[in-house]
Amino acid sequence: MDLPQCPHCYAPIMAQPDGTCPACRKNTLEAPPENRKYVAVEISADQTLPPCCMLCGRDTRRIEHFEFRYDSHLGGELDEQAYLAFVLLTLCTCGISLLLLPHYRRYLNKRREMVYHIALPLCDACLPKKSRYRPLTIEGTAYHFKVHRDFRDRLAAIAPPKPTLA
């Protein structure tokens, strides 16, 4: 069973009787018409994509490379404990290692950063929107993007739908 998507957050939902989305708490009945042109689609990094702009649905052969950076939150508590141990070491050595403290903090932050790459079709007219465009979610190599309905329809025509668990 395919659930309808909220026109605000694009999450698959069963709206409450008054039309409220349980995910974002906005009224699904009062969405602007602009929002109804878009849907959420799962795209994998190695998937064949149609020659169609994903934001406006127009034909294009242009492929843009996107890079998304996120804090992975992996080992966050362990990193904090290591940082506190480093601070204690600084106190025990009369502040000599205090000079290295900012470098160590940058090292921990850089180590936790995750970088994702994907190539997506984007026309010249939509190119200025590229810097603000982000996936809704990322799960491994599967990205969930807000795309134009025409792009979704053309994607479904070249890629068979994924089996769902029943």
C-alpha atoms as a PDB file:
ATOM      1  CA  MET A   1       0.000   0.000   0.000  1.00  0.00           C
ATOM      2  CA  ASP A   2       1.474   3.335  -1.058  1.00  0.00           C
ATOM      3  CA  LEU A   3       0.832   6.111   1.416  1.00  0.00           C
ATOM      4  CA  PRO A   4       0.180   9.641   0.160  1.00  0.00           C
ATOM      5  CA  GLN A   5       2.972  12.159   0.678  1.00  0.00           C
ATOM      6  CA  CYS A   6       2.660  15.313   2.721  1.00  0.00           C
ATOM      7  CA  PRO A   7       2.869  18.333   0.364  1.00  0.00           C
ATOM      8  CA  HIS A   8       5.035  20.166   2.934  1.00  0.00           C
ATOM      9  CA  CYS A   9       7.658  17.646   4.148  1.00  0.00           C
ATOM     10  CA  TYR A  10       7.105  14.939   1.462  1.00  0.00           C
ATOM     11  CA  ALA A  11       7.032  12.160   4.065  1.00  0.00           C
ATOM     12  CA  PRO A  12       4.701   9.219   3.394  1.00  0.00           C
ATOM     13  CA  ILE A  13       1.848   9.747   5.849  1.00  0.00           C
ATOM     14  CA  MET A  14      -1.657   8.913   6.913  1.00  0.00           C
ATOM     15  CA  ALA A  15      -3.042  12.377   7.579  1.00  0.00           C
ATOM     16  CA  GLN A  16      -5.087  12.901  10.705  1.00  0.00           C
ATOM     17  CA  PRO A  17      -8.848  13.497  10.295  1.00  0.00           C
ATOM     18  CA  ASP A  18      -8.368  17.278  10.377  1.00  0.00           C
ATOM     19  CA  GLY A  19      -5.716  17.057   7.603  1.00  0.00           C
ATOM     20  CA  THR A  20      -2.685  17.541   9.873  1.00  0.00           C
ATOM     21  CA  CYS A  21       0.539  15.779   8.883  1.00  0.00           C
ATOM     22  CA  PRO A  22       1.869  13.730  11.832  1.00  0.00           C
ATOM     23  CA  ALA A  23       5.470  14.362  10.701  1.00  0.00           C
ATOM     24  CA  CYS A  24       5.620  18.143  10.253  1.00  0.00           C
ATOM     25  CA  ARG A  25       2.287  19.140  11.911  1.00  0.00           C
ATOM     26  CA  LYS A  26       1.219  21.282   8.928  1.00  0.00           C
ATOM     27  CA  ASN A  27      -2.213  21.096   7.342  1.00  0.00           C
ATOM     28  CA  THR A  28      -1.998  18.964   4.200  1.00  0.00           C
ATOM     29  CA  LEU A  29      -5.211  20.509   2.849  1.00  0.00           C
ATOM     30  CA  GLU A  30      -3.757  24.039   2.843  1.00  0.00           C
ATOM     31  CA  ALA A  31      -0.568  23.423   0.868  1.00  0.00           C
ATOM     32  CA  PRO A  32       0.281  25.930  -1.859  1.00  0.00           C
ATOM     33  CA  PRO A  33      -0.261  24.627  -5.415  1.00  0.00           C
ATOM     34  CA  GLU A  34       3.497  24.989  -6.034  1.00  0.00           C
ATOM     35  CA  ASN A  35       4.189  22.214  -3.492  1.00  0.00           C
ATOM     36  CA  ARG A  36       1.888  19.760  -5.267  1.00  0.00           C
ATOM     37  CA  LYS A  37       4.180  19.721  -8.320  1.00  0.00           C
ATOM     38  CA  TYR A  38       6.832  17.897  -6.302  1.00  0.00           C
ATOM     39  CA  VAL A  39       7.145  14.435  -4.766  1.00  0.00           C
ATOM     40  CA  ALA A  40       9.833  12.556  -2.846  1.00  0.00           C
ATOM     41  CA  VAL A  41      11.754   9.923  -4.787  1.00  0.00           C
ATOM     42  CA  GLU A  42      14.495   7.510  -3.781  1.00  0.00           C
ATOM     43  CA  ILE A  43      17.515   7.701  -6.089  1.00  0.00           C
ATOM     44  CA  SER A  44      20.597   5.531  -5.722  1.00  0.00           C
ATOM     45  CA  ALA A  45      24.040   6.854  -6.582  1.00  0.00           C
ATOM     46  CA  ASP A  46      24.528   4.387  -9.459  1.00  0.00           C
ATOM     47  CA  GLN A  47      21.004   4.576 -10.895  1.00  0.00           C
ATOM     48  CA  THR A  48      20.298   5.474 -14.534  1.00  0.00           C
ATOM     49  CA  LEU A  49      18.410   8.774 -14.610  1.00  0.00           C
ATOM     50  CA  PRO A  50      16.160  10.175 -17.355  1.00  0.00           C
ATOM     51  CA  PRO A  51      17.325  13.148 -19.475  1.00  0.00           C
ATOM     52  CA  CYS A  52      14.966  15.434 -17.595  1.00  0.00           C
ATOM     53  CA  CYS A  53      15.604  18.217 -15.067  1.00  0.00           C
ATOM     54  CA  MET A  54      14.681  16.984 -11.618  1.00  0.00           C
ATOM     55  CA  LEU A  55      13.480  20.419 -10.434  1.00  0.00           C
ATOM     56  CA  CYS A  56      11.307  21.595 -13.338  1.00  0.00           C
ATOM     57  CA  GLY A  57      10.702  18.471 -15.451  1.00  0.00           C
ATOM     58  CA  ARG A  58      12.069  19.950 -18.716  1.00  0.00           C
ATOM     59  CA  ASP A  59      14.309  17.947 -21.046  1.00  0.00           C
ATOM     60  CA  THR A  60      18.035  18.364 -20.440  1.00  0.00           C
ATOM     61  CA  ARG A  61      21.246  16.452 -21.045  1.00  0.00           C
ATOM     62  CA  ARG A  62      23.129  18.508 -18.467  1.00  0.00           C
ATOM     63  CA  ILE A  63      24.446  16.524 -15.477  1.00  0.00           C
ATOM     64  CA  GLU A  64      25.530  18.377 -12.347  1.00  0.00           C
ATOM     65  CA  HIS A  65      27.696  16.844  -9.644  1.00  0.00           C
ATOM     66  CA  PHE A  66      26.461  17.434  -6.105  1.00  0.00           C
ATOM     67  CA  GLU A  67      28.479  17.118  -2.908  1.00  0.00           C
ATOM     68  CA  PHE A  68      26.750  16.995   0.458  1.00  0.00           C
ATOM     69  CA  ARG A  69      28.619  17.213   3.778  1.00  0.00           C
ATOM     70  CA  TYR A  70      27.077  16.076   7.049  1.00  0.00           C
ATOM     71  CA  ASP A  71      28.250  15.433  10.582  1.00  0.00           C
ATOM     72  CA  SER A  72      28.041  11.666  10.979  1.00  0.00           C
ATOM     73  CA  HIS A  73      27.534  11.748  14.772  1.00  0.00           C
ATOM     74  CA  LEU A  74      29.463   8.464  14.869  1.00  0.00           C
ATOM     75  CA  GLY A  75      31.595   8.152  17.953  1.00  0.00           C
ATOM     76  CA  GLY A  76      30.409  11.508  19.278  1.00  0.00           C
ATOM     77  CA  GLU A  77      30.428  10.427  22.924  1.00  0.00           C
ATOM     78  CA  LEU A  78      33.765   8.654  22.535  1.00  0.00           C
ATOM     79  CA  ASP A  79      35.254  11.735  20.857  1.00  0.00           C
ATOM     80  CA  GLU A  80      34.037  13.922  23.725  1.00  0.00           C
ATOM     81  CA  GLN A  81      35.680  11.578  26.240  1.00  0.00           C
ATOM     82  CA  ALA A  82      38.932  11.667  24.258  1.00  0.00           C
ATOM     83  CA  TYR A  83      38.732  15.459  24.165  1.00  0.00           C
ATOM     84  CA  LEU A  84      38.250  15.615  27.948  1.00  0.00           C
ATOM     85  CA  ALA A  85      41.216  13.269  28.425  1.00  0.00           C
ATOM     86  CA  PHE A  86      43.281  15.613  26.254  1.00  0.00           C
ATOM     87  CA  VAL A  87      42.209  18.571  28.409  1.00  0.00           C
ATOM     88  CA  LEU A  88      43.240  16.669  31.562  1.00  0.00           C
ATOM     89  CA  LEU A  89      46.593  15.858  29.953  1.00  0.00           C
ATOM     90  CA  THR A  90      47.001  19.561  29.251  1.00  0.00           C
ATOM     91  CA  LEU A  91      46.374  20.396  32.900  1.00  0.00           C
ATOM     92  CA  CYS A  92      48.838  17.733  34.063  1.00  0.00           C
ATOM     93  CA  THR A  93      51.587  18.980  31.746  1.00  0.00           C
ATOM     94  CA  CYS A  94      51.249  22.587  32.871  1.00  0.00           C
ATOM     95  CA  GLY A  95      49.512  23.709  29.701  1.00  0.00           C
ATOM     96  CA  ILE A  96      52.167  22.652  27.178  1.00  0.00           C
ATOM     97  CA  SER A  97      49.662  20.647  25.139  1.00  0.00           C
ATOM     98  CA  LEU A  98      47.251  23.586  25.269  1.00  0.00           C
ATOM     99  CA  LEU A  99      48.829  24.758  22.021  1.00  0.00           C
ATOM    100  CA  LEU A 100      47.646  21.566  20.304  1.00  0.00           C
ATOM    101  CA  LEU A 101      44.087  21.664  21.653  1.00  0.00           C
ATOM    102  CA  PRO A 102      42.471  23.605  18.743  1.00  0.00           C
ATOM    103  CA  HIS A 103      44.186  21.342  16.198  1.00  0.00           C
ATOM    104  CA  TYR A 104      42.947  18.245  18.000  1.00  0.00           C
ATOM    105  CA  ARG A 105      39.366  19.584  18.046  1.00  0.00           C
ATOM    106  CA  ARG A 106      39.495  20.271  14.281  1.00  0.00           C
ATOM    107  CA  TYR A 107      40.848  16.754  13.734  1.00  0.00           C
ATOM    108  CA  LEU A 108      37.923  15.225  15.632  1.00  0.00           C
ATOM    109  CA  ASN A 109      35.360  17.298  13.704  1.00  0.00           C
ATOM    110  CA  LYS A 110      36.897  16.496  10.317  1.00  0.00           C
ATOM    111  CA  ARG A 111      37.013  12.796  11.133  1.00  0.00           C
ATOM    112  CA  ARG A 112      33.263  12.744  11.842  1.00  0.00           C
ATOM    113  CA  GLU A 113      32.292  14.578   8.651  1.00  0.00           C
ATOM    114  CA  MET A 114      30.641  12.424   5.963  1.00  0.00           C
ATOM    115  CA  VAL A 115      30.824  13.489   2.312  1.00  0.00           C
ATOM    116  CA  TYR A 116      28.320  12.175  -0.245  1.00  0.00           C
ATOM    117  CA  HIS A 117      28.560  12.573  -4.039  1.00  0.00           C
ATOM    118  CA  ILE A 118      25.878  12.094  -6.687  1.00  0.00           C
ATOM    119  CA  ALA A 119      25.385  13.243 -10.301  1.00  0.00           C
ATOM    120  CA  LEU A 120      21.890  14.551 -11.108  1.00  0.00           C
ATOM    121  CA  PRO A 121      20.206  16.076 -14.190  1.00  0.00           C
ATOM    122  CA  LEU A 122      19.694  19.817 -13.792  1.00  0.00           C
ATOM    123  CA  CYS A 123      18.822  22.304 -16.564  1.00  0.00           C
ATOM    124  CA  ASP A 124      20.434  25.722 -17.068  1.00  0.00           C
ATOM    125  CA  ALA A 125      17.358  27.547 -15.733  1.00  0.00           C
ATOM    126  CA  CYS A 126      17.441  25.617 -12.431  1.00  0.00           C
ATOM    127  CA  LEU A 127      21.216  25.854 -11.985  1.00  0.00           C
ATOM    128  CA  PRO A 128      20.985  28.849  -9.569  1.00  0.00           C
ATOM    129  CA  LYS A 129      18.948  26.644  -7.183  1.00  0.00           C
ATOM    130  CA  LYS A 130      21.752  24.052  -6.978  1.00  0.00           C
ATOM    131  CA  SER A 131      23.460  25.525  -3.916  1.00  0.00           C
ATOM    132  CA  ARG A 132      20.243  25.325  -1.841  1.00  0.00           C
ATOM    133  CA  TYR A 133      19.257  21.827  -3.004  1.00  0.00           C
ATOM    134  CA  ARG A 134      19.710  19.050  -0.436  1.00  0.00           C
ATOM    135  CA  PRO A 135      18.393  15.505  -0.125  1.00  0.00           C
ATOM    136  CA  LEU A 136      15.533  14.950   2.304  1.00  0.00           C
ATOM    137  CA  THR A 137      17.395  11.936   3.740  1.00  0.00           C
ATOM    138  CA  ILE A 138      20.391   9.747   2.908  1.00  0.00           C
ATOM    139  CA  GLU A 139      20.480   6.031   3.705  1.00  0.00           C
ATOM    140  CA  GLY A 140      23.729   4.438   2.546  1.00  0.00           C
ATOM    141  CA  THR A 141      23.827   4.993  -1.228  1.00  0.00           C
ATOM    142  CA  ALA A 142      20.095   5.789  -1.441  1.00  0.00           C
ATOM    143  CA  TYR A 143      19.118   9.453  -1.478  1.00  0.00           C
ATOM    144  CA  HIS A 144      15.569  10.771  -1.002  1.00  0.00           C
ATOM    145  CA  PHE A 145      15.071  13.927  -3.043  1.00  0.00           C
ATOM    146  CA  LYS A 146      12.187  16.310  -3.628  1.00  0.00           C
ATOM    147  CA  VAL A 147      11.742  16.158  -7.415  1.00  0.00           C
ATOM    148  CA  HIS A 148       9.250  17.348 -10.035  1.00  0.00           C
ATOM    149  CA  ARG A 149       6.408  14.918 -10.794  1.00  0.00           C
ATOM    150  CA  ASP A 150       7.434  14.706 -14.479  1.00  0.00           C
ATOM    151  CA  PHE A 151      10.919  13.573 -13.435  1.00  0.00           C
ATOM    152  CA  ARG A 152       9.391  10.937 -11.142  1.00  0.00           C
ATOM    153  CA  ASP A 153       7.159   9.630 -13.946  1.00  0.00           C
ATOM    154  CA  ARG A 154      10.046   9.407 -16.408  1.00  0.00           C
ATOM    155  CA  LEU A 155      12.255   7.769 -13.774  1.00  0.00           C
ATOM    156  CA  ALA A 156       9.572   5.145 -13.105  1.00  0.00           C
ATOM    157  CA  ALA A 157       9.402   4.417 -16.847  1.00  0.00           C
ATOM    158  CA  ILE A 158      13.106   3.502 -17.055  1.00  0.00           C
ATOM    159  CA  ALA A 159      13.568   1.992 -13.578  1.00  0.00           C
ATOM    160  CA  PRO A 160      11.201  -0.698 -12.344  1.00  0.00           C
ATOM    161  CA  PRO A 161       9.675   0.013  -8.926  1.00  0.00           C
ATOM    162  CA  LYS A 162      11.413  -1.549  -5.945  1.00  0.00           C
ATOM    163  CA  PRO A 163       9.635  -4.481  -4.320  1.00  0.00           C
ATOM    164  CA  THR A 164       7.887  -3.661  -1.071  1.00  0.00           C
ATOM    165  CA  LEU A 165       7.613  -5.914   1.937  1.00  0.00           C
ATOM    166  CA  ALA A 166       4.113  -7.212   2.415  1.00  0.00           C
END
